[in-house]
């Protein structure tokens, strides 16, 4: 047994000696490093590329957008004006629009709901029947909330539902809504004094007293329907919102008769929600300018100092083509 183990050990040492000899022969046959040379192509230095970028050639977003001023009610283009992109070219921000609409809705709520508690209901507060002996449920006064006409438990009381929103965020929502309408082609700006003209024959009949009030209202409603249908702005295309700086008698009365076609609002009655509800906005140029100027607090410095470094309001309304 021992001789067998010695024989195996000798064979193992013999194998190790053969492998070491093979490794020495392989090292002796290596290629010397001095024989490897690099070509001239690899040794040539890379050319230096120098680029000079002109600052004027860099792309910059447009600072103004074109706005067409139309005539009413023919809607013929009168002139082309340049308005600031910060007024009519803002990106859509649904979160800011949602904050503005919720803010307006909260501050519109009256909060006058009120109920009486059991101590505010008129009447005697004596116990209606004895506590025991009647076989019926125990009962207190007639003002008990369990009885009809009794007090209300945890009922509503007058409160203020108004919430707060930073003015700059609210002003940004205004211009975001106008920009959304402008990009979709749903902002139609007309000349000042947007009134519904009536035929001369109709004016003569009204002056002579030959038409009753009902006939006058029906004629105005028919006239405004024809104006809107001529531009494919009927009920199928969505209602229209007219915004003016002051009341226009004929236009306001006509739209009151056809509420399915549109509505007319003064500039003081317009909210962000009104800008997004209907299919399009038909607004006077002066009304649009007042809306923008009154809602650009995030663009104008609050410090009234003659310093050119302070941000100023962007200019809008420059005539390009007339």
Protein backbone atom coordinates (compact mmCIF):
# COMPACT_ATOMS: atom_id res chain seq x y z
CA UNK A 1 0.00 0.00 0.00
CA UNK A 2 2.85 2.35 0.87
CA UNK A 3 4.72 1.51 -2.33
CA UNK A 4 1.64 2.35 -4.37
CA UNK A 5 1.38 5.77 -2.73
CA UNK A 6 5.07 6.52 -3.37
CA UNK A 7 4.66 5.58 -7.03
CA UNK A 8 1.73 7.99 -7.47
CA UNK A 9 3.72 10.76 -5.82
CA UNK A 10 6.64 10.25 -8.21
CA UNK A 11 4.33 10.45 -11.22
CA UNK A 12 2.90 13.73 -9.95
CA UNK A 13 6.34 15.32 -9.54
CA UNK A 14 7.30 14.18 -13.02
CA UNK A 15 4.22 15.92 -14.48
CA UNK A 16 5.10 19.16 -12.68
CA UNK A 17 8.63 19.15 -14.07
CA UNK A 18 7.36 18.71 -17.64
CA UNK A 19 4.90 21.61 -17.33
CA UNK A 20 7.55 23.96 -15.94
CA UNK A 21 9.90 23.09 -18.83
CA UNK A 22 7.16 23.90 -21.37
CA UNK A 23 6.58 27.33 -19.78
CA UNK A 24 10.32 28.16 -19.92
CA UNK A 25 10.45 27.27 -23.61
CA UNK A 26 7.43 29.48 -24.33
CA UNK A 27 9.05 32.45 -22.58
CA UNK A 28 12.27 32.02 -24.52
CA UNK A 29 10.37 32.17 -27.84
CA UNK A 30 8.66 35.53 -27.13
CA UNK A 31 8.90 38.29 -29.72
CA UNK A 32 11.11 41.12 -28.47
CA UNK A 33 9.32 44.41 -27.87
CA UNK A 34 11.88 46.32 -29.91
CA UNK A 35 10.55 44.77 -33.12
CA UNK A 36 7.06 46.41 -32.73
CA UNK A 37 6.91 49.83 -34.35
CA UNK A 38 4.04 52.29 -34.87
CA UNK A 39 3.18 53.61 -38.28
CA UNK A 40 3.44 57.29 -39.16
CA UNK A 41 -0.32 57.51 -39.46
CA UNK A 42 -0.82 56.68 -35.80
CA UNK A 43 1.94 59.01 -34.68
CA UNK A 44 0.49 62.05 -36.49
CA UNK A 45 -1.14 64.50 -34.04
CA UNK A 46 -4.87 65.16 -34.31
CA UNK A 47 -5.80 68.45 -35.95
CA UNK A 48 -7.07 71.15 -33.62
CA UNK A 49 -10.63 72.15 -34.46
CA UNK A 50 -11.59 75.62 -33.32
CA UNK A 51 -15.17 76.80 -33.69
CA UNK A 52 -16.34 80.35 -33.15
CA UNK A 53 -20.08 80.69 -32.39
CA UNK A 54 -21.66 84.02 -33.09
CA UNK A 55 -24.02 85.08 -30.32
CA UNK A 56 -26.43 86.58 -32.84
CA UNK A 57 -26.76 83.28 -34.70
CA UNK A 58 -28.06 81.38 -31.65
CA UNK A 59 -31.75 80.52 -31.64
CA UNK A 60 -33.90 82.57 -29.35
CA UNK A 61 -37.63 82.23 -28.79
CA UNK A 62 -39.80 84.87 -30.39
CA UNK A 63 -40.46 87.81 -28.10
CA UNK A 64 -43.61 88.94 -29.94
CA UNK A 65 -46.56 87.30 -31.67
CA UNK A 66 -48.80 88.68 -34.44
CA UNK A 67 -52.41 89.54 -33.64
CA UNK A 68 -55.05 90.40 -36.24
CA UNK A 69 -57.61 93.09 -35.42
CA UNK A 70 -61.00 92.46 -37.08
CA UNK A 71 -63.99 94.63 -37.84
CA UNK A 72 -67.35 93.82 -36.26
CA UNK A 73 -69.73 92.37 -37.38
CA UNK A 74 -68.22 91.62 -40.81
CA UNK A 75 -65.03 90.20 -39.20
CA UNK A 76 -62.85 91.58 -41.97
CA UNK A 77 -59.17 92.00 -40.99
CA UNK A 78 -58.27 95.64 -40.45
CA UNK A 79 -54.64 95.58 -39.31
CA UNK A 80 -51.91 93.35 -37.91
CA UNK A 81 -50.35 94.19 -34.56
CA UNK A 82 -47.42 92.86 -32.55
CA UNK A 83 -48.12 91.71 -28.98
CA UNK A 84 -45.70 90.40 -26.39
CA UNK A 85 -45.18 86.65 -26.18
CA UNK A 86 -45.35 86.94 -22.38
CA UNK A 87 -48.96 87.98 -22.81
CA UNK A 88 -50.29 85.62 -25.48
CA UNK A 89 -47.70 82.85 -25.91
CA UNK A 90 -47.35 81.23 -22.50
CA UNK A 91 -47.24 77.42 -22.18
CA UNK A 92 -50.32 75.60 -20.98
CA UNK A 93 -50.32 75.11 -17.20
CA UNK A 94 -53.34 73.08 -16.17
CA UNK A 95 -52.32 73.18 -12.51
CA UNK A 96 -52.32 76.99 -12.42
CA UNK A 97 -55.64 77.19 -14.26
CA UNK A 98 -57.15 74.73 -11.78
CA UNK A 99 -55.92 76.78 -8.83
CA UNK A 100 -57.42 79.95 -10.30
CA UNK A 101 -60.82 78.38 -11.05
CA UNK A 102 -61.06 76.85 -7.57
CA UNK A 103 -60.00 80.16 -6.02
CA UNK A 104 -62.72 82.03 -7.89
CA UNK A 105 -65.35 79.44 -7.02
CA UNK A 106 -64.48 79.50 -3.32
CA UNK A 107 -64.66 83.28 -3.12
CA UNK A 108 -67.96 83.33 -5.03
CA UNK A 109 -69.77 81.16 -2.48
CA UNK A 110 -72.10 83.20 -0.29
CA UNK A 111 -71.82 81.02 2.79
CA UNK A 112 -75.19 82.19 4.17
CA UNK A 113 -76.67 78.77 4.97
CA UNK A 114 -77.85 78.76 8.58
CA UNK A 115 -79.92 76.48 10.81
CA UNK A 116 -81.16 76.80 14.39
CA UNK A 117 -79.90 74.73 17.26
CA UNK A 118 -82.26 73.45 19.93
CA UNK A 119 -81.51 76.53 22.02
CA UNK A 120 -82.47 78.90 19.19
CA UNK A 121 -85.87 77.33 18.38
CA UNK A 122 -88.75 79.34 19.83
CA UNK A 123 -91.07 77.79 22.38
CA UNK A 124 -91.14 76.47 25.91
CA UNK A 125 -88.27 74.29 27.07
CA UNK A 126 -90.25 72.30 29.62
CA UNK A 127 -90.21 68.52 29.54
CA UNK A 128 -93.02 67.23 27.33
CA UNK A 129 -93.90 64.11 29.39
CA UNK A 130 -92.68 62.37 32.51
CA UNK A 131 -89.51 60.39 32.39
CA UNK A 132 -91.19 57.17 33.57
CA UNK A 133 -94.61 55.64 33.77
CA UNK A 134 -95.93 56.32 30.26
CA UNK A 135 -94.43 53.28 28.56
CA UNK A 136 -93.01 55.47 25.82
CA UNK A 137 -89.51 56.61 25.07
CA UNK A 138 -88.06 59.32 27.24
CA UNK A 139 -88.28 62.76 25.69
CA UNK A 140 -87.17 66.23 26.66
CA UNK A 141 -88.41 69.55 25.31
CA UNK A 142 -90.13 70.15 21.96
CA UNK A 143 -86.86 71.63 20.64
CA UNK A 144 -85.32 68.16 20.64
CA UNK A 145 -83.54 67.29 17.35
CA UNK A 146 -85.54 64.04 17.25
CA UNK A 147 -88.82 65.90 16.73
CA UNK A 148 -90.09 67.65 13.65
CA UNK A 149 -89.55 71.37 13.98
CA UNK A 150 -86.83 70.88 16.55
CA UNK A 151 -83.27 72.10 16.48
CA UNK A 152 -80.60 70.92 14.07
CA UNK A 153 -77.55 69.07 15.34
CA UNK A 154 -74.27 70.20 13.73
CA UNK A 155 -76.16 72.21 11.13
CA UNK A 156 -74.54 74.79 8.84
CA UNK A 157 -73.80 78.28 10.08
CA UNK A 158 -72.77 81.38 8.12
CA UNK A 159 -69.10 81.09 7.24
CA UNK A 160 -66.54 82.33 4.75
CA UNK A 161 -65.52 79.74 2.16
CA UNK A 162 -62.94 82.05 0.56
CA UNK A 163 -59.40 80.81 -0.01
CA UNK A 164 -56.17 82.63 -0.78
CA UNK A 165 -54.00 82.55 -3.87
CA UNK A 166 -50.85 84.59 -4.57
CA UNK A 167 -51.57 87.46 -6.89
CA UNK A 168 -48.72 86.57 -9.23
CA UNK A 169 -50.08 83.04 -9.64
CA UNK A 170 -53.57 84.38 -10.33
CA UNK A 171 -52.28 86.87 -12.90
CA UNK A 172 -50.27 84.13 -14.57
CA UNK A 173 -53.46 82.05 -14.84
CA UNK A 174 -55.19 84.93 -16.66
CA UNK A 175 -52.48 85.21 -19.29
CA UNK A 176 -52.21 81.42 -19.55
CA UNK A 177 -55.92 81.20 -20.39
CA UNK A 178 -55.59 83.94 -23.01
CA UNK A 179 -52.52 82.22 -24.48
CA UNK A 180 -54.40 78.93 -24.69
CA UNK A 181 -57.18 80.62 -26.65
CA UNK A 182 -54.70 82.42 -28.90
CA UNK A 183 -52.81 79.25 -29.87
CA UNK A 184 -56.05 77.46 -30.75
CA UNK A 185 -57.25 80.37 -32.89
CA UNK A 186 -60.19 81.01 -30.55
CA UNK A 187 -59.24 84.57 -29.57
CA UNK A 188 -60.89 87.03 -31.97
CA UNK A 189 -59.97 90.64 -31.28
CA UNK A 190 -62.20 93.32 -32.77
CA UNK A 191 -62.01 97.08 -32.94
CA UNK A 192 -63.28 99.16 -30.05
CA UNK A 193 -66.97 99.97 -29.89
CA UNK A 194 -68.16 96.47 -30.78
CA UNK A 195 -71.88 97.07 -31.26
CA UNK A 196 -74.48 95.18 -33.27
CA UNK A 197 -75.56 97.50 -36.13
CA UNK A 198 -79.21 97.38 -37.10
CA UNK A 199 -80.74 98.23 -40.50
CA UNK A 200 -81.93 101.79 -41.05
CA UNK A 201 -85.48 100.57 -41.79
CA UNK A 202 -85.65 98.88 -38.42
CA UNK A 203 -84.44 102.02 -36.66
CA UNK A 204 -87.13 104.07 -38.45
CA UNK A 205 -89.86 101.65 -37.37
CA UNK A 206 -88.63 101.73 -33.78
CA UNK A 207 -88.54 105.53 -33.79
CA UNK A 208 -92.08 105.64 -35.18
CA UNK A 209 -93.30 103.24 -32.49
CA UNK A 210 -94.57 100.72 -35.03
CA UNK A 211 -92.81 97.76 -33.38
CA UNK A 212 -93.55 96.37 -29.98
CA UNK A 213 -90.82 95.36 -27.56
CA UNK A 214 -91.32 91.68 -28.27
CA UNK A 215 -90.88 92.21 -32.02
CA UNK A 216 -87.78 94.29 -31.43
CA UNK A 217 -86.19 91.59 -29.28
CA UNK A 218 -87.03 88.85 -31.76
CA UNK A 219 -85.55 90.84 -34.66
CA UNK A 220 -82.32 91.50 -32.74
CA UNK A 221 -82.06 87.82 -31.85
CA UNK A 222 -82.52 86.81 -35.48
CA UNK A 223 -79.95 89.39 -36.58
CA UNK A 224 -77.24 88.18 -34.19
CA UNK A 225 -77.94 84.56 -35.16
CA UNK A 226 -77.29 85.43 -38.79
CA UNK A 227 -74.01 87.13 -37.88
CA UNK A 228 -72.77 84.11 -35.93
CA UNK A 229 -74.02 81.51 -38.42
CA UNK A 230 -72.23 83.32 -41.24
CA UNK A 231 -68.92 82.54 -39.51
CA UNK A 232 -69.97 79.00 -38.50
CA UNK A 233 -70.12 80.03 -34.84
CA UNK A 234 -73.52 78.57 -34.10
CA UNK A 235 -74.52 76.11 -31.42
CA UNK A 236 -72.75 73.20 -33.10
CA UNK A 237 -69.38 74.98 -32.93
CA UNK A 238 -69.79 76.09 -29.33
CA UNK A 239 -71.07 79.27 -27.77
CA UNK A 240 -69.22 82.58 -28.03
CA UNK A 241 -68.29 84.98 -25.25
CA UNK A 242 -68.30 88.69 -26.12
CA UNK A 243 -66.21 90.92 -23.85
CA UNK A 244 -66.60 94.70 -24.04
CA UNK A 245 -65.35 97.64 -22.02
CA UNK A 246 -68.88 99.01 -21.51
CA UNK A 247 -72.44 97.75 -22.11
CA UNK A 248 -73.59 97.59 -25.74
CA UNK A 249 -77.37 97.75 -25.72
CA UNK A 250 -78.16 96.01 -28.99
CA UNK A 251 -75.52 93.30 -28.58
CA UNK A 252 -76.37 92.52 -24.97
CA UNK A 253 -80.13 92.42 -25.59
CA UNK A 254 -79.75 90.22 -28.66
CA UNK A 255 -77.55 87.66 -26.89
CA UNK A 256 -79.94 87.51 -23.95
CA UNK A 257 -82.59 86.22 -26.36
CA UNK A 258 -80.31 83.50 -27.79
CA UNK A 259 -78.31 82.12 -24.85
CA UNK A 260 -77.47 78.99 -26.84
CA UNK A 261 -75.38 81.08 -29.22
CA UNK A 262 -73.36 83.09 -26.75
CA UNK A 263 -73.27 85.68 -24.01
CA UNK A 264 -71.94 89.21 -23.52
CA UNK A 265 -69.92 90.32 -20.49
CA UNK A 266 -68.40 93.55 -19.36
CA UNK A 267 -64.73 93.58 -18.52
CA UNK A 268 -65.43 93.81 -14.78
CA UNK A 269 -67.55 90.63 -14.84
CA UNK A 270 -64.95 88.38 -16.49
CA UNK A 271 -63.09 85.65 -14.60
CA UNK A 272 -60.59 82.99 -15.62
CA UNK A 273 -63.41 80.46 -15.76
CA UNK A 274 -65.29 82.63 -18.27
CA UNK A 275 -62.26 82.58 -20.58
CA UNK A 276 -62.32 78.77 -20.73
CA UNK A 277 -66.02 77.89 -20.76
CA UNK A 278 -67.26 78.67 -24.26
CA UNK A 279 -65.97 77.83 -27.71
CA UNK A 280 -64.29 81.18 -28.46
CA UNK A 281 -63.65 84.69 -27.16
CA UNK A 282 -64.67 87.78 -29.14
CA UNK A 283 -63.13 90.69 -27.30
CA UNK A 284 -62.55 94.36 -27.98
CA UNK A 285 -58.95 95.44 -28.40
CA UNK A 286 -59.11 97.92 -25.53
CA UNK A 287 -60.76 95.32 -23.29
CA UNK A 288 -57.99 92.82 -24.02
CA UNK A 289 -55.36 95.43 -23.26
CA UNK A 290 -56.99 96.30 -19.94
CA UNK A 291 -57.22 92.63 -18.98
CA UNK A 292 -53.53 92.09 -19.66
CA UNK A 293 -52.35 95.30 -18.00
CA UNK A 294 -54.30 94.52 -14.84
CA UNK A 295 -52.89 90.98 -14.62
CA UNK A 296 -49.14 91.29 -15.13
CA UNK A 297 -47.89 91.77 -11.58
CA UNK A 298 -45.31 89.01 -12.08
CA UNK A 299 -43.77 90.96 -14.99
CA UNK A 300 -43.56 94.43 -13.44
CA UNK A 301 -41.37 95.51 -10.53
CA UNK A 302 -43.23 96.71 -7.45
CA UNK A 303 -40.57 99.37 -6.75
CA UNK A 304 -41.42 102.54 -8.66
CA UNK A 305 -37.92 103.82 -9.30
CA UNK A 306 -36.51 105.09 -12.59
CA UNK A 307 -33.98 102.31 -12.86
CA UNK A 308 -33.46 100.72 -16.29
CA UNK A 309 -32.30 97.49 -14.65
CA UNK A 310 -35.73 96.85 -13.11
CA UNK A 311 -38.14 94.72 -15.17
CA UNK A 312 -40.74 96.65 -17.10
CA UNK A 313 -44.03 95.59 -18.59
CA UNK A 314 -43.74 94.10 -22.10
CA UNK A 315 -45.08 96.30 -24.85
CA UNK A 316 -48.08 95.12 -26.83
CA UNK A 317 -50.23 96.63 -29.54
CA UNK A 318 -47.60 97.85 -32.00
CA UNK A 319 -49.10 98.11 -35.50
CA UNK A 320 -47.27 96.04 -38.10
CA UNK A 321 -49.60 96.14 -41.12
CA UNK A 322 -52.62 98.37 -41.56
